[in-house]
Amino acid sequence: MANIKQQKKRIRLAARQRLRNRHVKSSLKTLFKQLEAQVADGQTEEAVKTATFLTSRIDKAAAKGVLHKNNAAHKKSRVSRTLARLSA
């Protein structure tokens, strides 16, 4: 346990940030699973809406530092590849 006041505060902040980051990452995974299920079922309209929403969420997560920008780009690429399977 830290003795310095600022370090105690940083530990509290890190715990809050860890929970928030976990929630954001988990929701991204859930959205991606929904997208894959919609593509598998051939639900075009829902898949496009989910892909747009998912891309927006990925961008927001990258802007807030939850995801690295390259990781966000990789995830967005994966979303577009999944969506492309629908039209192919």
C-alpha atoms as a PDB file:
ATOM      1  CA  MET A   1       0.000   0.000   0.000  1.00  0.00           C
ATOM      2  CA  ALA A   2       1.233   3.459  -0.864  1.00  0.00           C
ATOM      3  CA  ASN A   3       2.151   5.939   1.852  1.00  0.00           C
ATOM      4  CA  ILE A   4       2.113   9.076  -0.276  1.00  0.00           C
ATOM      5  CA  LYS A   5      -1.227  10.863  -0.500  1.00  0.00           C
ATOM      6  CA  GLN A   6      -1.056  11.348  -4.277  1.00  0.00           C
ATOM      7  CA  GLN A   7      -0.225   7.678  -4.829  1.00  0.00           C
ATOM      8  CA  LYS A   8      -3.245   6.631  -2.756  1.00  0.00           C
ATOM      9  CA  LYS A   9      -5.392   8.850  -4.964  1.00  0.00           C
ATOM     10  CA  ARG A  10      -3.838   7.389  -8.136  1.00  0.00           C
ATOM     11  CA  ILE A  11      -4.681   3.876  -6.883  1.00  0.00           C
ATOM     12  CA  ARG A  12      -8.324   4.905  -6.383  1.00  0.00           C
ATOM     13  CA  LEU A  13      -8.441   6.549  -9.813  1.00  0.00           C
ATOM     14  CA  ALA A  14      -6.839   3.544 -11.493  1.00  0.00           C
ATOM     15  CA  ALA A  15      -9.464   1.250  -9.980  1.00  0.00           C
ATOM     16  CA  ARG A  16     -12.283   3.429 -11.354  1.00  0.00           C
ATOM     17  CA  GLN A  17     -10.628   3.687 -14.767  1.00  0.00           C
ATOM     18  CA  ARG A  18     -10.058  -0.068 -14.886  1.00  0.00           C
ATOM     19  CA  LEU A  19     -13.768  -0.713 -14.295  1.00  0.00           C
ATOM     20  CA  ARG A  20     -14.779   1.829 -16.935  1.00  0.00           C
ATOM     21  CA  ASN A  21     -12.295   0.435 -19.462  1.00  0.00           C
ATOM     22  CA  ARG A  22     -13.489  -3.115 -18.815  1.00  0.00           C
ATOM     23  CA  HIS A  23     -17.107  -2.042 -19.344  1.00  0.00           C
ATOM     24  CA  VAL A  24     -16.299  -0.296 -22.637  1.00  0.00           C
ATOM     25  CA  LYS A  25     -14.245  -3.215 -23.981  1.00  0.00           C
ATOM     26  CA  SER A  26     -16.925  -5.704 -22.958  1.00  0.00           C
ATOM     27  CA  SER A  27     -19.662  -3.705 -24.689  1.00  0.00           C
ATOM     28  CA  LEU A  28     -17.543  -3.550 -27.868  1.00  0.00           C
ATOM     29  CA  LYS A  29     -17.177  -7.338 -27.827  1.00  0.00           C
ATOM     30  CA  THR A  30     -20.933  -7.736 -27.337  1.00  0.00           C
ATOM     31  CA  LEU A  31     -21.699  -5.391 -30.234  1.00  0.00           C
ATOM     32  CA  PHE A  32     -19.272  -7.254 -32.479  1.00  0.00           C
ATOM     33  CA  LYS A  33     -20.930 -10.579 -31.619  1.00  0.00           C
ATOM     34  CA  GLN A  34     -24.317  -9.027 -32.452  1.00  0.00           C
ATOM     35  CA  LEU A  35     -22.942  -7.836 -35.789  1.00  0.00           C
ATOM     36  CA  GLU A  36     -21.576 -11.275 -36.651  1.00  0.00           C
ATOM     37  CA  ALA A  37     -24.905 -12.898 -35.741  1.00  0.00           C
ATOM     38  CA  GLN A  38     -26.813 -10.416 -37.908  1.00  0.00           C
ATOM     39  CA  VAL A  39     -24.473 -11.009 -40.852  1.00  0.00           C
ATOM     40  CA  ALA A  40     -24.840 -14.773 -40.429  1.00  0.00           C
ATOM     41  CA  ASP A  41     -28.644 -14.419 -40.453  1.00  0.00           C
ATOM     42  CA  GLY A  42     -28.551 -12.069 -43.445  1.00  0.00           C
ATOM     43  CA  GLN A  43     -30.187  -9.148 -41.619  1.00  0.00           C
ATOM     44  CA  THR A  44     -28.802  -6.365 -43.794  1.00  0.00           C
ATOM     45  CA  GLU A  45     -30.444  -3.285 -42.270  1.00  0.00           C
ATOM     46  CA  GLU A  46     -29.750  -4.262 -38.670  1.00  0.00           C
ATOM     47  CA  ALA A  47     -26.156  -5.196 -39.512  1.00  0.00           C
ATOM     48  CA  VAL A  48     -25.499  -1.819 -41.137  1.00  0.00           C
ATOM     49  CA  LYS A  49     -26.972   0.022 -38.126  1.00  0.00           C
ATOM     50  CA  THR A  50     -24.946  -2.083 -35.702  1.00  0.00           C
ATOM     51  CA  ALA A  51     -21.762  -1.574 -37.738  1.00  0.00           C
ATOM     52  CA  THR A  52     -22.242   2.202 -37.757  1.00  0.00           C
ATOM     53  CA  PHE A  53     -22.898   2.265 -34.019  1.00  0.00           C
ATOM     54  CA  LEU A  54     -19.959  -0.062 -33.331  1.00  0.00           C
ATOM     55  CA  THR A  55     -17.586   2.067 -35.412  1.00  0.00           C
ATOM     56  CA  SER A  56     -18.685   5.148 -33.480  1.00  0.00           C
ATOM     57  CA  ARG A  57     -18.117   3.387 -30.148  1.00  0.00           C
ATOM     58  CA  ILE A  58     -14.664   2.214 -31.244  1.00  0.00           C
ATOM     59  CA  ASP A  59     -13.718   5.785 -32.202  1.00  0.00           C
ATOM     60  CA  LYS A  60     -14.940   7.110 -28.849  1.00  0.00           C
ATOM     61  CA  ALA A  61     -13.005   4.436 -26.962  1.00  0.00           C
ATOM     62  CA  ALA A  62      -9.838   5.355 -28.867  1.00  0.00           C
ATOM     63  CA  ALA A  63     -10.380   9.063 -28.196  1.00  0.00           C
ATOM     64  CA  LYS A  64     -10.730   8.425 -24.455  1.00  0.00           C
ATOM     65  CA  GLY A  65      -7.641   6.241 -24.338  1.00  0.00           C
ATOM     66  CA  VAL A  66      -9.415   2.955 -23.673  1.00  0.00           C
ATOM     67  CA  LEU A  67      -8.051   1.569 -26.953  1.00  0.00           C
ATOM     68  CA  HIS A  68      -4.842   2.414 -28.782  1.00  0.00           C
ATOM     69  CA  LYS A  69      -5.512   4.141 -32.115  1.00  0.00           C
ATOM     70  CA  ASN A  70      -3.948   1.266 -34.089  1.00  0.00           C
ATOM     71  CA  ASN A  71      -6.040  -1.261 -32.180  1.00  0.00           C
ATOM     72  CA  ALA A  72      -9.131   0.826 -32.940  1.00  0.00           C
ATOM     73  CA  ALA A  73      -8.203   0.908 -36.634  1.00  0.00           C
ATOM     74  CA  HIS A  74      -7.781  -2.879 -36.609  1.00  0.00           C
ATOM     75  CA  LYS A  75     -11.202  -3.356 -34.992  1.00  0.00           C
ATOM     76  CA  LYS A  76     -12.870  -0.982 -37.477  1.00  0.00           C
ATOM     77  CA  SER A  77     -11.243  -2.875 -40.337  1.00  0.00           C
ATOM     78  CA  ARG A  78     -12.634  -6.089 -38.905  1.00  0.00           C
ATOM     79  CA  VAL A  79     -16.109  -4.527 -38.747  1.00  0.00           C
ATOM     80  CA  SER A  80     -15.943  -3.475 -42.401  1.00  0.00           C
ATOM     81  CA  ARG A  81     -14.677  -6.920 -43.459  1.00  0.00           C
ATOM     82  CA  THR A  82     -17.549  -8.558 -41.591  1.00  0.00           C
ATOM     83  CA  LEU A  83     -20.028  -6.198 -43.236  1.00  0.00           C
ATOM     84  CA  ALA A  84     -18.500  -6.881 -46.665  1.00  0.00           C
ATOM     85  CA  ARG A  85     -19.282 -10.587 -46.227  1.00  0.00           C
ATOM     86  CA  LEU A  86     -22.950  -9.625 -46.181  1.00  0.00           C
ATOM     87  CA  SER A  87     -22.893  -8.037 -49.639  1.00  0.00           C
ATOM     88  CA  ALA A  88     -20.642 -10.709 -51.165  1.00  0.00           C
END
